[in-house]
Amino acid sequence: MLVSGYWMSLKFTDSVLLDIQHRVSSIQHQPGKSND
């Protein structure tokens, strides 16, 4: 079904965005690593 496929991709994108946000926040909490 198209709707379930869209929902699965939406959940996947949401988890990826959460992972990226977590990585960015953990990077920002490390002083001195701002200019890679």
PDB file of N, CA and C in Angstrom:
ATOM      1  N   MET A   1       0.834  -1.209   0.000  1.00  0.00           N
ATOM      2  CA  MET A   1       0.000   0.000   0.000  1.00  0.00           C
ATOM      3  C   MET A   1       0.867   1.258   0.000  1.00  0.00           C
ATOM      4  N   LEU A   2       0.420   2.261  -0.677  1.00  0.00           N
ATOM      5  CA  LEU A   2       1.210   3.485  -0.815  1.00  0.00           C
ATOM      6  C   LEU A   2       1.289   4.229   0.518  1.00  0.00           C
ATOM      7  N   VAL A   3       0.177   4.235   1.261  1.00  0.00           N
ATOM      8  CA  VAL A   3       0.137   5.003   2.509  1.00  0.00           C
ATOM      9  C   VAL A   3       1.096   4.413   3.536  1.00  0.00           C
ATOM     10  N   SER A   4       1.119   3.084   3.651  1.00  0.00           N
ATOM     11  CA  SER A   4       2.001   2.453   4.638  1.00  0.00           C
ATOM     12  C   SER A   4       3.466   2.661   4.244  1.00  0.00           C
ATOM     13  N   GLY A   5       3.747   2.640   2.952  1.00  0.00           N
ATOM     14  CA  GLY A   5       5.110   2.886   2.489  1.00  0.00           C
ATOM     15  C   GLY A   5       5.540   4.308   2.802  1.00  0.00           C
ATOM     16  N   TYR A   6       4.618   5.247   2.622  1.00  0.00           N
ATOM     17  CA  TYR A   6       4.906   6.648   2.937  1.00  0.00           C
ATOM     18  C   TYR A   6       5.133   6.809   4.430  1.00  0.00           C
ATOM     19  N   TRP A   7       4.322   6.109   5.234  1.00  0.00           N
ATOM     20  CA  TRP A   7       4.456   6.201   6.688  1.00  0.00           C
ATOM     21  C   TRP A   7       5.790   5.627   7.149  1.00  0.00           C
ATOM     22  N   MET A   8       6.190   4.502   6.544  1.00  0.00           N
ATOM     23  CA  MET A   8       7.465   3.882   6.914  1.00  0.00           C
ATOM     24  C   MET A   8       8.631   4.807   6.575  1.00  0.00           C
ATOM     25  N   SER A   9       8.580   5.428   5.407  1.00  0.00           N
ATOM     26  CA  SER A   9       9.662   6.337   5.025  1.00  0.00           C
ATOM     27  C   SER A   9       9.657   7.576   5.917  1.00  0.00           C
ATOM     28  N   LEU A  10       8.467   7.982   6.347  1.00  0.00           N
ATOM     29  CA  LEU A  10       8.362   9.140   7.230  1.00  0.00           C
ATOM     30  C   LEU A  10       8.991   8.829   8.583  1.00  0.00           C
ATOM     31  N   LYS A  11       8.706   7.636   9.118  1.00  0.00           N
ATOM     32  CA  LYS A  11       9.288   7.234  10.394  1.00  0.00           C
ATOM     33  C   LYS A  11      10.803   7.093  10.265  1.00  0.00           C
ATOM     34  N   PHE A  12      11.252   6.568   9.126  1.00  0.00           N
ATOM     35  CA  PHE A  12      12.686   6.404   8.890  1.00  0.00           C
ATOM     36  C   PHE A  12      13.371   7.769   8.852  1.00  0.00           C
ATOM     37  N   THR A  13      12.770   8.716   8.140  1.00  0.00           N
ATOM     38  CA  THR A  13      13.337  10.057   8.050  1.00  0.00           C
ATOM     39  C   THR A  13      13.371  10.719   9.418  1.00  0.00           C
ATOM     40  N   ASP A  14      12.320  10.480  10.217  1.00  0.00           N
ATOM     41  CA  ASP A  14      12.251  11.075  11.548  1.00  0.00           C
ATOM     42  C   ASP A  14      13.382  10.554  12.425  1.00  0.00           C
ATOM     43  N   SER A  15      13.635   9.247  12.361  1.00  0.00           N
ATOM     44  CA  SER A  15      14.699   8.663  13.187  1.00  0.00           C
ATOM     45  C   SER A  15      16.065   9.158  12.724  1.00  0.00           C
ATOM     46  N   VAL A  16      16.225   9.328  11.402  1.00  0.00           N
ATOM     47  CA  VAL A  16      17.495   9.837  10.873  1.00  0.00           C
ATOM     48  C   VAL A  16      17.721  11.274  11.334  1.00  0.00           C
ATOM     49  N   LEU A  17      16.654  12.082  11.303  1.00  0.00           N
ATOM     50  CA  LEU A  17      16.777  13.469  11.738  1.00  0.00           C
ATOM     51  C   LEU A  17      17.114  13.543  13.222  1.00  0.00           C
ATOM     52  N   LEU A  18      16.511  12.649  14.018  1.00  0.00           N
ATOM     53  CA  LEU A  18      16.809  12.618  15.445  1.00  0.00           C
ATOM     54  C   LEU A  18      18.265  12.231  15.671  1.00  0.00           C
ATOM     55  N   ASP A  19      18.763  11.288  14.874  1.00  0.00           N
ATOM     56  CA  ASP A  19      20.155  10.852  15.012  1.00  0.00           C
ATOM     57  C   ASP A  19      21.110  11.994  14.663  1.00  0.00           C
ATOM     58  N   ILE A  20      20.803  12.720  13.585  1.00  0.00           N
ATOM     59  CA  ILE A  20      21.640  13.849  13.176  1.00  0.00           C
ATOM     60  C   ILE A  20      21.620  14.936  14.246  1.00  0.00           C
ATOM     61  N   GLN A  21      20.430  15.201  14.793  1.00  0.00           N
ATOM     62  CA  GLN A  21      20.308  16.228  15.825  1.00  0.00           C
ATOM     63  C   GLN A  21      21.129  15.855  17.053  1.00  0.00           C
ATOM     64  N   HIS A  22      21.117  14.562  17.398  1.00  0.00           N
ATOM     65  CA  HIS A  22      21.880  14.088  18.557  1.00  0.00           C
ATOM     66  C   HIS A  22      23.379  14.246  18.311  1.00  0.00           C
ATOM     67  N   ARG A  23      23.816  13.914  17.099  1.00  0.00           N
ATOM     68  CA  ARG A  23      25.238  14.045  16.764  1.00  0.00           C
ATOM     69  C   ARG A  23      25.665  15.508  16.807  1.00  0.00           C
ATOM     70  N   VAL A  24      24.838  16.392  16.251  1.00  0.00           N
ATOM     71  CA  VAL A  24      25.175  17.816  16.209  1.00  0.00           C
ATOM     72  C   VAL A  24      25.252  18.388  17.617  1.00  0.00           C
ATOM     73  N   SER A  25      24.303  18.005  18.472  1.00  0.00           N
ATOM     74  CA  SER A  25      24.307  18.532  19.839  1.00  0.00           C
ATOM     75  C   SER A  25      25.518  18.014  20.607  1.00  0.00           C
ATOM     76  N   SER A  26      25.913  16.764  20.369  1.00  0.00           N
ATOM     77  CA  SER A  26      27.075  16.211  21.065  1.00  0.00           C
ATOM     78  C   SER A  26      28.359  16.867  20.550  1.00  0.00           C
ATOM     79  N   ILE A  27      28.377  17.234  19.268  1.00  0.00           N
ATOM     80  CA  ILE A  27      29.541  17.923  18.705  1.00  0.00           C
ATOM     81  C   ILE A  27      29.642  19.337  19.290  1.00  0.00           C
ATOM     82  N   GLN A  28      28.495  19.996  19.445  1.00  0.00           N
ATOM     83  CA  GLN A  28      28.497  21.362  19.958  1.00  0.00           C
ATOM     84  C   GLN A  28      28.936  21.415  21.414  1.00  0.00           C
ATOM     85  N   HIS A  29      28.812  20.294  22.146  1.00  0.00           N
ATOM     86  CA  HIS A  29      29.185  20.269  23.555  1.00  0.00           C
ATOM     87  C   HIS A  29      30.680  19.986  23.731  1.00  0.00           C
ATOM     88  N   GLN A  30      31.415  19.888  22.626  1.00  0.00           N
ATOM     89  CA  GLN A  30      32.856  19.658  22.710  1.00  0.00           C
ATOM     90  C   GLN A  30      33.598  20.913  22.243  1.00  0.00           C
ATOM     91  N   PRO A  31      34.078  21.721  23.154  1.00  0.00           N
ATOM     92  CA  PRO A  31      34.795  22.948  22.780  1.00  0.00           C
ATOM     93  C   PRO A  31      36.131  22.634  22.106  1.00  0.00           C
ATOM     94  N   GLY A  32      36.470  23.414  21.091  1.00  0.00           N
ATOM     95  CA  GLY A  32      37.735  23.214  20.396  1.00  0.00           C
ATOM     96  C   GLY A  32      37.581  22.388  19.140  1.00  0.00           C
ATOM     97  N   LYS A  33      36.408  21.781  18.928  1.00  0.00           N
ATOM     98  CA  LYS A  33      36.199  20.981  17.724  1.00  0.00           C
ATOM     99  C   LYS A  33      35.220  21.676  16.784  1.00  0.00           C
ATOM    100  N   SER A  34      35.073  22.984  16.908  1.00  0.00           N
ATOM    101  CA  SER A  34      34.076  23.695  16.119  1.00  0.00           C
ATOM    102  C   SER A  34      34.553  23.915  14.687  1.00  0.00           C
ATOM    103  N   ASN A  35      35.877  24.007  14.483  1.00  0.00           N
ATOM    104  CA  ASN A  35      36.385  24.239  13.127  1.00  0.00           C
ATOM    105  C   ASN A  35      37.158  23.020  12.639  1.00  0.00           C
ATOM    106  N   ASP A  36      36.429  22.070  12.091  1.00  0.00           N
ATOM    107  CA  ASP A  36      37.064  20.866  11.541  1.00  0.00           C
ATOM    108  C   ASP A  36      37.580  21.161  10.144  1.00  0.00           C
TER     109      ASP A  36
END
